[in-house]
Amino acid sequence: MMMNQSKSPAYRVGRYLLMLPLVLLFLTANSLYAAQQAPADEERQLFNPAVAASSQDQEHVSTDNRITPEQVQAALQDQSLQQPPPEKKEEVIFVVVENMPEYPGGNGAMMKFIADSIRYPVEAQQKGIQGRVICNFVVMKDGSISDLQIVRGVDPLLDAEALRVLGLMPDWKPGKQRGQAVNVRYTLPVVFRLSGNESKVIIDELRTNEGDLQVQASVSSNFIFPGEENGLFKFVSSRIKYPVIAQENGGQGLVDASFKVDNTGTITDVKIVSGENAILNKEVLRVINEMPQWVKDKSYLVSGRVTDSDLQPLQGTSIILKGTNMGTITDASGNFRIHVPAKEGSLVFSFIGYKTTEVSLSDIKTGNGAIETKLAVVFRLQGDDTTEPYTGPTPDNAIVVVGYGSKKLPQVNDPR
């Protein structure tokens, strides 16, 4: 057909040539438009990567397939619906703060509330059950009471009654640290006492008039393991072994040991506080005796005991280095230990129902005795079908040694 066609006149060829500038202008405008839409294309890749094209392919995508602002907004809304809600930050709970929480109206009002609300369980009276229930709860920064628990109970009947009444308390005045309200864990002993036919519930023998705290303390130089606490655990973990004979016999359990560090950093008086397996006890003693000499720290150690006027221990007494956030609380025996940077300043002792006592560090006697340190090791068998799994206590700071069991091989007589 082309061979039979006549040639176009010259003027028609000229018309085609005149159209070339228009074509070039159209291509230039299209390129500029594509460059302006590049950020929108990047957003499309961000919100819908499955259909995002490479930068080279985007040059050939027609304008009909471009994502409109409405589609981008819809993609944003859809993505916000699909994302999980942000994780809640774990609440920080203090043990001691500069301003401890207070019951509204003071200690007298609190004791009256508990006395009016609590009931001595009849069954407990009939069985003659009495004693001190150590309760623990958190005063939240909004003053509400949370996480009620028993630290040391007497009997389920008395424990449940103490928790029931404390759960009825109104909101407290929250504790403060550096002027900000914070969550503070609080300890409160409740005493159930029987005297003849009379039953009484009291708050650790407290009266409306505040009693006096008795503080016995000494300050001494502090010694630490080379590498501090992490170095100590690493040393023990790398040296201790699960004795084969103990594994063969199914021996496992908790070994509580103690030792002292004298004023030269030397380990002395190594002993087992509790441990039922002699072989495991011996292994723990061996490792402690292999410890290197401890080194003197820049800080000082203040240790002592807090009691009431009858020399009964006060568990949960708050002890804080005045003007700082450094502090601790006494244990079930009323004992405490706290590290201070220098022999300056004072310690503040506070316990509900007792006068807050301030003791200057310069007035505390200097002790030259050895510092006692404790070490807990748990030996546990795993994967041994012949032995019951260990279900005893595992302290938070304990070192756990795992064994996989070892069965004794039967003796075989020599056929020769």
Protein backbone atom coordinates (compact mmCIF):
# COMPACT_ATOMS: atom_id res chain seq x y z
CA MET A 1 0.00 0.00 0.00
CA MET A 2 2.86 2.37 0.80
CA MET A 3 4.48 1.69 -2.56
CA ASN A 4 1.28 2.64 -4.38
CA GLN A 5 0.78 5.86 -2.37
CA SER A 6 1.87 9.17 -3.85
CA LYS A 7 4.52 11.22 -2.04
CA SER A 8 3.32 13.91 0.36
CA PRO A 9 3.74 17.46 -0.75
CA ALA A 10 6.51 19.46 0.93
CA TYR A 11 4.09 21.69 2.79
CA ARG A 12 2.72 18.66 4.70
CA VAL A 13 6.26 17.74 5.85
CA GLY A 14 6.61 21.28 7.11
CA ARG A 15 3.50 20.94 9.27
CA TYR A 16 4.99 17.87 11.01
CA LEU A 17 8.19 19.81 11.72
CA LEU A 18 6.19 22.64 13.28
CA MET A 19 4.63 20.15 15.76
CA LEU A 20 8.05 19.13 17.19
CA PRO A 21 8.40 22.16 19.58
CA LEU A 22 4.93 21.44 20.96
CA VAL A 23 5.89 17.83 21.69
CA LEU A 24 9.12 18.93 23.42
CA LEU A 25 7.18 21.49 25.53
CA PHE A 26 4.69 18.80 26.60
CA LEU A 27 7.51 16.41 27.67
CA THR A 28 9.23 19.16 29.69
CA ALA A 29 6.00 20.09 31.51
CA ASN A 30 5.32 16.44 32.30
CA SER A 31 8.83 16.00 33.78
CA LEU A 32 8.40 19.07 36.02
CA TYR A 33 5.04 17.78 37.23
CA ALA A 34 6.54 14.37 38.05
CA ALA A 35 9.34 16.02 40.07
CA GLN A 36 6.81 17.95 42.15
CA GLN A 37 4.90 14.75 42.89
CA ALA A 38 8.02 12.82 44.09
CA PRO A 39 7.35 13.48 47.84
CA ALA A 40 3.83 12.13 47.39
CA ASP A 41 5.31 9.01 45.80
CA GLU A 42 7.64 8.59 48.79
CA GLU A 43 4.66 8.80 51.14
CA ARG A 44 2.94 6.18 49.06
CA GLN A 45 5.96 3.90 49.47
CA LEU A 46 5.95 4.51 53.22
CA PHE A 47 2.28 3.69 53.76
CA ASN A 48 1.82 0.99 51.12
CA PRO A 49 5.22 -0.56 50.32
CA ALA A 50 3.61 -3.51 48.55
CA VAL A 51 2.62 -1.31 45.58
CA ALA A 52 5.55 1.14 45.71
CA ALA A 53 7.60 1.25 42.52
CA SER A 54 11.31 1.96 42.17
CA SER A 55 12.39 5.48 41.26
CA GLN A 56 13.10 4.35 37.70
CA ASP A 57 9.65 2.78 37.28
CA GLN A 58 7.91 5.86 38.67
CA GLU A 59 8.93 7.84 35.58
CA HIS A 60 6.65 5.62 33.47
CA VAL A 61 3.64 5.57 35.84
CA SER A 62 0.72 7.47 34.34
CA THR A 63 -0.83 10.35 36.24
CA ASP A 64 -4.08 8.40 36.49
CA ASN A 65 -2.46 5.95 38.95
CA ARG A 66 -0.99 8.58 41.30
CA ILE A 67 -2.11 8.61 44.96
CA THR A 68 -4.30 11.57 45.80
CA PRO A 69 -4.05 13.52 49.11
CA GLU A 70 -7.34 11.93 50.15
CA GLN A 71 -5.86 8.46 49.70
CA VAL A 72 -2.75 9.41 51.71
CA GLN A 73 -4.97 10.65 54.57
CA ALA A 74 -6.99 7.44 54.47
CA ALA A 75 -3.78 5.40 54.60
CA LEU A 76 -2.61 7.35 57.64
CA GLN A 77 -5.88 6.71 59.47
CA ASP A 78 -5.80 3.03 58.57
CA GLN A 79 -2.22 2.69 59.83
CA SER A 80 -3.04 4.38 63.16
CA LEU A 81 -5.84 1.88 63.67
CA GLN A 82 -3.56 -1.08 63.01
CA GLN A 83 -0.74 0.03 65.34
CA PRO A 84 -0.84 -1.42 68.88
CA PRO A 85 -1.44 1.00 71.73
CA PRO A 86 1.74 2.40 73.34
CA GLU A 87 3.10 0.35 76.21
CA LYS A 88 2.50 1.74 79.68
CA LYS A 89 5.64 2.71 81.54
CA GLU A 90 6.22 0.71 84.69
CA GLU A 91 5.53 2.78 87.80
CA VAL A 92 8.57 3.50 89.98
CA ILE A 93 8.02 2.56 93.63
CA PHE A 94 10.19 4.10 96.35
CA VAL A 95 10.90 2.59 99.74
CA VAL A 96 12.13 5.73 101.47
CA VAL A 97 11.57 9.32 100.42
CA GLU A 98 12.22 12.74 101.84
CA ASN A 99 8.57 13.17 102.90
CA MET A 100 6.93 9.87 103.79
CA PRO A 101 3.18 9.30 103.15
CA GLU A 102 0.76 10.28 105.91
CA TYR A 103 -2.69 9.03 106.88
CA PRO A 104 -5.25 11.88 106.78
CA GLY A 105 -5.41 13.28 110.27
CA GLY A 106 -2.16 11.66 111.42
CA ASN A 107 -1.28 8.45 113.20
CA GLY A 108 -3.91 8.89 115.89
CA ALA A 109 -6.67 9.07 113.29
CA MET A 110 -5.33 5.99 111.54
CA MET A 111 -5.20 3.93 114.72
CA LYS A 112 -8.76 4.98 115.60
CA PHE A 113 -9.98 3.98 112.14
CA ILE A 114 -8.38 0.53 112.39
CA ALA A 115 -9.60 0.01 115.96
CA ASP A 116 -13.16 0.86 114.92
CA SER A 117 -13.09 -1.26 111.76
CA ILE A 118 -11.15 -4.40 112.64
CA ARG A 119 -12.67 -7.48 114.25
CA TYR A 120 -10.75 -10.21 116.03
CA PRO A 121 -11.85 -13.44 114.24
CA VAL A 122 -13.93 -15.57 116.64
CA GLU A 123 -12.33 -18.79 115.44
CA ALA A 124 -8.88 -17.36 116.08
CA GLN A 125 -9.91 -16.38 119.62
CA GLN A 126 -11.28 -19.85 120.30
CA LYS A 127 -8.02 -21.42 119.10
CA GLY A 128 -5.88 -18.96 121.05
CA ILE A 129 -4.18 -17.61 117.90
CA GLN A 130 -2.39 -14.31 118.34
CA GLY A 131 0.69 -12.51 117.04
CA ARG A 132 2.04 -9.70 114.88
CA VAL A 133 1.02 -9.48 111.21
CA ILE A 134 3.48 -7.46 109.13
CA CYS A 135 1.54 -5.82 106.29
CA ASN A 136 2.88 -4.05 103.25
CA PHE A 137 1.19 -1.75 100.73
CA VAL A 138 1.94 1.03 98.27
CA VAL A 139 0.69 4.58 98.72
CA MET A 140 0.34 5.77 95.13
CA LYS A 141 1.19 9.32 94.11
CA ASP A 142 -2.54 10.11 93.99
CA GLY A 143 -2.90 8.91 97.61
CA SER A 144 -4.73 5.66 96.82
CA ILE A 145 -3.73 2.33 98.41
CA SER A 146 -2.44 -0.45 96.15
CA ASP A 147 -0.68 -3.83 96.23
CA LEU A 148 -1.69 -4.91 99.74
CA GLN A 149 0.27 -7.97 100.87
CA ILE A 150 1.48 -9.87 103.93
CA VAL A 151 5.22 -9.72 104.56
CA ARG A 152 5.11 -12.01 107.58
CA GLY A 153 1.85 -13.58 108.66
CA VAL A 154 0.62 -15.42 111.75
CA ASP A 155 -2.46 -17.32 110.63
CA PRO A 156 -4.72 -17.08 107.54
CA LEU A 157 -7.57 -15.86 109.74
CA LEU A 158 -5.60 -12.94 111.21
CA ASP A 159 -3.81 -12.20 107.94
CA ALA A 160 -7.07 -11.91 105.99
CA GLU A 161 -8.64 -9.61 108.59
CA ALA A 162 -5.63 -7.29 108.60
CA LEU A 163 -5.69 -7.02 104.79
CA ARG A 164 -9.46 -6.47 104.76
CA VAL A 165 -9.31 -3.47 107.09
CA LEU A 166 -6.27 -1.87 105.49
CA GLY A 167 -8.04 -2.12 102.14
CA LEU A 168 -10.83 0.07 103.56
CA MET A 169 -8.51 2.97 104.42
CA PRO A 170 -9.19 6.31 102.73
CA ASP A 171 -6.64 7.94 100.45
CA TRP A 172 -3.44 9.05 102.14
CA LYS A 173 -1.38 12.17 101.72
CA PRO A 174 1.19 10.88 99.18
CA GLY A 175 4.90 10.83 99.82
CA LYS A 176 7.15 13.32 98.07
CA GLN A 177 10.66 13.18 96.68
CA ARG A 178 12.28 16.46 95.67
CA GLY A 179 8.90 18.15 95.80
CA GLN A 180 7.15 15.66 93.48
CA ALA A 181 4.49 13.16 94.59
CA VAL A 182 5.76 9.57 94.15
CA ASN A 183 4.66 6.00 94.84
CA VAL A 184 5.97 4.73 98.19
CA ARG A 185 5.88 1.21 99.64
CA TYR A 186 4.80 1.30 103.28
CA THR A 187 5.11 -1.28 106.07
CA LEU A 188 2.58 -1.47 108.91
CA PRO A 189 2.56 -4.10 111.71
CA VAL A 190 -0.83 -5.09 113.16
CA VAL A 191 -0.77 -6.98 116.47
CA PHE A 192 -3.57 -9.35 117.55
CA ARG A 193 -3.29 -10.06 121.29
CA LEU A 194 -5.31 -12.22 123.70
CA SER A 195 -5.23 -11.49 127.41
CA GLY A 196 -7.47 -13.77 129.44
CA ASN A 197 -10.98 -13.33 128.08
CA GLU A 198 -10.05 -10.03 126.45
CA SER A 199 -8.95 -9.71 122.82
CA LYS A 200 -7.21 -6.62 121.48
CA VAL A 201 -6.01 -5.45 118.09
CA ILE A 202 -3.30 -2.80 118.26
CA ILE A 203 -0.86 -1.21 115.86
CA ASP A 204 2.43 -2.62 117.09
CA GLU A 205 1.81 -1.55 120.68
CA LEU A 206 1.59 2.10 119.68
CA ARG A 207 -0.28 4.72 121.63
CA THR A 208 -1.64 8.07 120.52
CA ASN A 209 1.42 9.65 122.11
CA GLU A 210 4.44 8.84 120.00
CA GLY A 211 7.09 6.61 121.51
CA ASP A 212 10.85 6.84 121.19
CA LEU A 213 12.96 4.87 118.73
CA GLN A 214 16.06 3.11 120.05
CA VAL A 215 18.93 3.18 117.55
CA GLN A 216 22.19 1.29 117.95
CA ALA A 217 24.68 1.82 115.12
CA SER A 218 28.33 1.87 114.14
CA VAL A 219 30.20 3.21 111.12
CA SER A 220 33.20 1.55 109.50
CA SER A 221 35.22 1.55 106.31
CA ASN A 222 33.59 -0.37 103.50
CA PHE A 223 35.29 -3.20 101.63
CA ILE A 224 34.11 -4.56 98.30
CA PHE A 225 35.02 -7.51 96.09
CA PRO A 226 37.37 -6.52 93.23
CA GLY A 227 34.92 -5.72 90.45
CA GLU A 228 32.14 -4.98 92.98
CA GLU A 229 28.93 -7.07 93.14
CA ASN A 230 28.99 -8.19 89.51
CA GLY A 231 32.58 -9.30 89.97
CA LEU A 232 31.62 -11.35 93.02
CA PHE A 233 28.81 -13.19 91.23
CA LYS A 234 31.01 -13.78 88.20
CA PHE A 235 33.78 -15.20 90.39
CA VAL A 236 31.48 -17.57 92.26
CA SER A 237 29.64 -18.65 89.10
CA SER A 238 32.89 -19.49 87.31
CA ARG A 239 34.39 -21.45 90.24
CA ILE A 240 31.50 -23.37 91.73
CA LYS A 241 30.75 -26.91 90.49
CA TYR A 242 27.84 -29.25 91.02
CA PRO A 243 29.51 -32.24 92.75
CA VAL A 244 29.02 -35.44 90.73
CA ILE A 245 28.32 -37.51 93.83
CA ALA A 246 25.56 -35.07 94.82
CA GLN A 247 24.00 -35.42 91.36
CA GLU A 248 24.17 -39.21 91.59
CA ASN A 249 22.40 -39.12 94.95
CA GLY A 250 19.82 -36.53 93.83
CA GLY A 251 21.18 -33.88 96.18
CA GLN A 252 19.82 -30.39 95.62
CA GLY A 253 18.64 -27.40 97.65
CA LEU A 254 19.45 -23.95 98.99
CA VAL A 255 22.74 -23.28 100.76
CA ASP A 256 22.95 -20.07 102.81
CA ALA A 257 26.50 -19.15 103.75
CA SER A 258 28.07 -16.18 105.51
CA PHE A 259 31.56 -14.81 105.94
CA LYS A 260 33.25 -11.72 107.31
CA VAL A 261 35.65 -9.23 105.77
CA ASP A 262 38.06 -7.75 108.32
CA ASN A 263 39.66 -4.31 108.25
CA THR A 264 42.38 -5.55 105.91
CA GLY A 265 39.98 -7.05 103.34
CA THR A 266 40.72 -10.65 104.38
CA ILE A 267 37.95 -13.28 104.36
CA THR A 268 37.31 -14.77 107.82
CA ASP A 269 34.74 -16.78 109.75
CA VAL A 270 33.30 -18.64 106.75
CA LYS A 271 30.32 -20.78 107.78
CA ILE A 272 27.08 -22.34 106.60
CA VAL A 273 23.96 -20.67 108.01
CA SER A 274 21.59 -23.28 106.56
CA GLY A 275 21.98 -26.19 104.17
CA GLU A 276 20.80 -29.79 104.37
CA ASN A 277 23.33 -31.45 102.06
CA ALA A 278 26.86 -31.74 103.47
CA ILE A 279 28.44 -32.23 100.02
CA LEU A 280 26.83 -29.08 98.61
CA ASN A 281 27.74 -27.14 101.77
CA LYS A 282 31.36 -28.17 101.37
CA GLU A 283 31.45 -26.95 97.77
CA VAL A 284 30.14 -23.51 98.74
CA LEU A 285 32.70 -23.21 101.55
CA ARG A 286 35.49 -24.17 99.15
CA VAL A 287 34.63 -21.38 96.71
CA ILE A 288 34.32 -18.71 99.42
CA ASN A 289 37.71 -19.65 100.86
CA GLU A 290 39.26 -19.19 97.40
CA MET A 291 38.12 -15.57 97.17
CA PRO A 292 40.83 -12.92 96.70
CA GLN A 293 41.36 -10.14 99.21
CA TRP A 294 38.66 -7.48 99.15
CA VAL A 295 39.58 -3.83 98.54
CA LYS A 296 38.71 -0.71 100.52
CA ASP A 297 35.96 1.45 99.05
CA LYS A 298 35.64 5.23 99.23
CA SER A 299 32.29 4.99 100.99
CA TYR A 300 31.49 4.03 104.58
CA LEU A 301 29.13 1.42 105.94
CA VAL A 302 26.67 2.26 108.69
CA SER A 303 25.04 -0.78 110.29
CA GLY A 304 22.89 -1.23 113.34
CA ARG A 305 19.51 -2.10 114.82
CA VAL A 306 16.28 -0.22 115.54
CA THR A 307 14.00 -1.25 118.44
CA ASP A 308 11.15 0.14 120.50
CA SER A 309 11.34 1.10 124.17
CA ASP A 310 11.03 -2.59 125.13
CA LEU A 311 13.93 -3.50 122.82
CA GLN A 312 11.57 -5.25 120.39
CA PRO A 313 12.72 -4.98 116.74
CA LEU A 314 10.87 -2.57 114.48
CA GLN A 315 10.67 -4.01 110.99
CA GLY A 316 10.14 -1.52 108.18
CA THR A 317 11.70 1.50 109.88
CA SER A 318 12.56 4.08 107.22
CA ILE A 319 16.19 5.25 107.24
CA ILE A 320 17.33 8.00 104.90
CA LEU A 321 20.50 10.06 104.58
CA LYS A 322 19.19 13.56 105.17
CA GLY A 323 19.07 15.75 102.09
CA THR A 324 19.49 12.83 99.66
CA ASN A 325 17.46 9.98 98.18
CA MET A 326 19.78 7.35 99.70
CA GLY A 327 17.98 5.12 102.16
CA THR A 328 16.92 1.69 103.34
CA ILE A 329 14.51 -0.05 105.75
CA THR A 330 15.07 -2.42 108.65
CA ASP A 331 14.53 -6.17 108.26
CA ALA A 332 12.43 -8.51 110.44
CA SER A 333 15.07 -8.36 113.18
CA GLY A 334 15.26 -4.56 113.10
CA ASN A 335 18.71 -4.65 111.49
CA PHE A 336 19.84 -2.27 108.74
CA ARG A 337 22.87 -1.45 106.60
CA ILE A 338 23.39 1.69 104.54
CA HIS A 339 26.35 3.04 102.58
CA VAL A 340 27.19 6.73 102.96
CA PRO A 341 29.75 8.70 100.91
CA ALA A 342 31.38 10.33 103.96
CA LYS A 343 31.17 10.61 107.73
CA GLU A 344 29.17 13.80 107.38
CA GLY A 345 25.48 14.61 107.61
CA SER A 346 22.87 12.66 109.53
CA LEU A 347 20.50 9.71 109.26
CA VAL A 348 16.75 10.16 109.77
CA PHE A 349 14.82 7.24 111.31
CA SER A 350 11.02 7.23 111.06
CA PHE A 351 8.34 4.67 111.93
CA ILE A 352 4.63 5.16 112.27
CA GLY A 353 3.62 5.97 115.86
CA TYR A 354 7.16 6.90 116.91
CA LYS A 355 8.99 10.17 117.04
CA THR A 356 11.20 10.73 114.03
CA THR A 357 14.81 10.47 115.20
CA GLU A 358 17.80 12.16 113.61
CA VAL A 359 21.27 10.79 114.33
CA SER A 360 24.42 12.64 113.28
CA LEU A 361 27.02 10.46 111.57
CA SER A 362 29.72 12.16 113.62
CA ASP A 363 28.03 10.87 116.80
CA ILE A 364 27.97 7.24 115.65
CA LYS A 365 30.80 5.22 117.07
CA THR A 366 33.47 3.90 114.75
CA GLY A 367 33.57 0.15 114.51
CA ASN A 368 36.69 -1.83 113.73
CA GLY A 369 34.94 -5.16 113.54
CA ALA A 370 34.60 -7.31 110.46
CA ILE A 371 31.75 -6.78 107.99
CA GLU A 372 29.47 -9.78 107.65
CA THR A 373 28.36 -10.74 104.15
CA LYS A 374 25.92 -13.44 103.06
CA LEU A 375 25.89 -15.65 99.98
CA ALA A 376 23.00 -17.82 98.77
CA VAL A 377 23.53 -20.69 96.30
CA VAL A 378 20.78 -22.92 94.89
CA PHE A 379 21.69 -26.34 93.50
CA ARG A 380 18.97 -27.65 91.20
CA LEU A 381 18.75 -30.85 89.14
CA GLN A 382 17.15 -30.69 85.74
CA GLY A 383 16.23 -33.44 83.30
CA ASP A 384 16.75 -36.24 85.81
CA ASP A 385 13.68 -38.50 85.78
CA THR A 386 14.72 -40.22 89.00
CA THR A 387 14.71 -37.05 91.13
CA GLU A 388 11.86 -34.76 92.17
CA PRO A 389 12.38 -31.22 90.83
CA TYR A 390 13.52 -28.60 93.34
CA THR A 391 10.59 -26.52 94.56
CA GLY A 392 12.20 -24.74 97.50
CA PRO A 393 12.91 -21.02 97.87
CA THR A 394 15.22 -19.20 95.47
CA PRO A 395 16.26 -15.77 96.81
CA ASP A 396 16.51 -12.93 94.28
CA ASN A 397 20.25 -12.57 94.82
CA ALA A 398 20.99 -16.31 94.81
CA ILE A 399 23.41 -17.99 92.41
CA VAL A 400 21.74 -20.98 90.75
CA VAL A 401 23.82 -24.01 89.83
CA VAL A 402 22.04 -26.45 87.50
CA GLY A 403 22.92 -30.14 87.23
CA TYR A 404 21.47 -32.63 84.77
CA GLY A 405 21.67 -35.73 86.95
CA SER A 406 24.10 -38.62 86.80
CA LYS A 407 23.14 -42.24 87.34
CA LYS A 408 25.56 -44.68 88.92
CA LEU A 409 26.75 -47.32 86.49
CA PRO A 410 26.39 -50.93 87.73
CA GLN A 411 29.61 -52.64 88.63
CA VAL A 412 30.69 -55.32 86.14
CA ASN A 413 32.90 -58.19 87.33
CA ASP A 414 36.01 -58.88 85.28
CA PRO A 415 35.28 -62.10 83.31
CA ARG A 416 38.96 -63.00 83.40
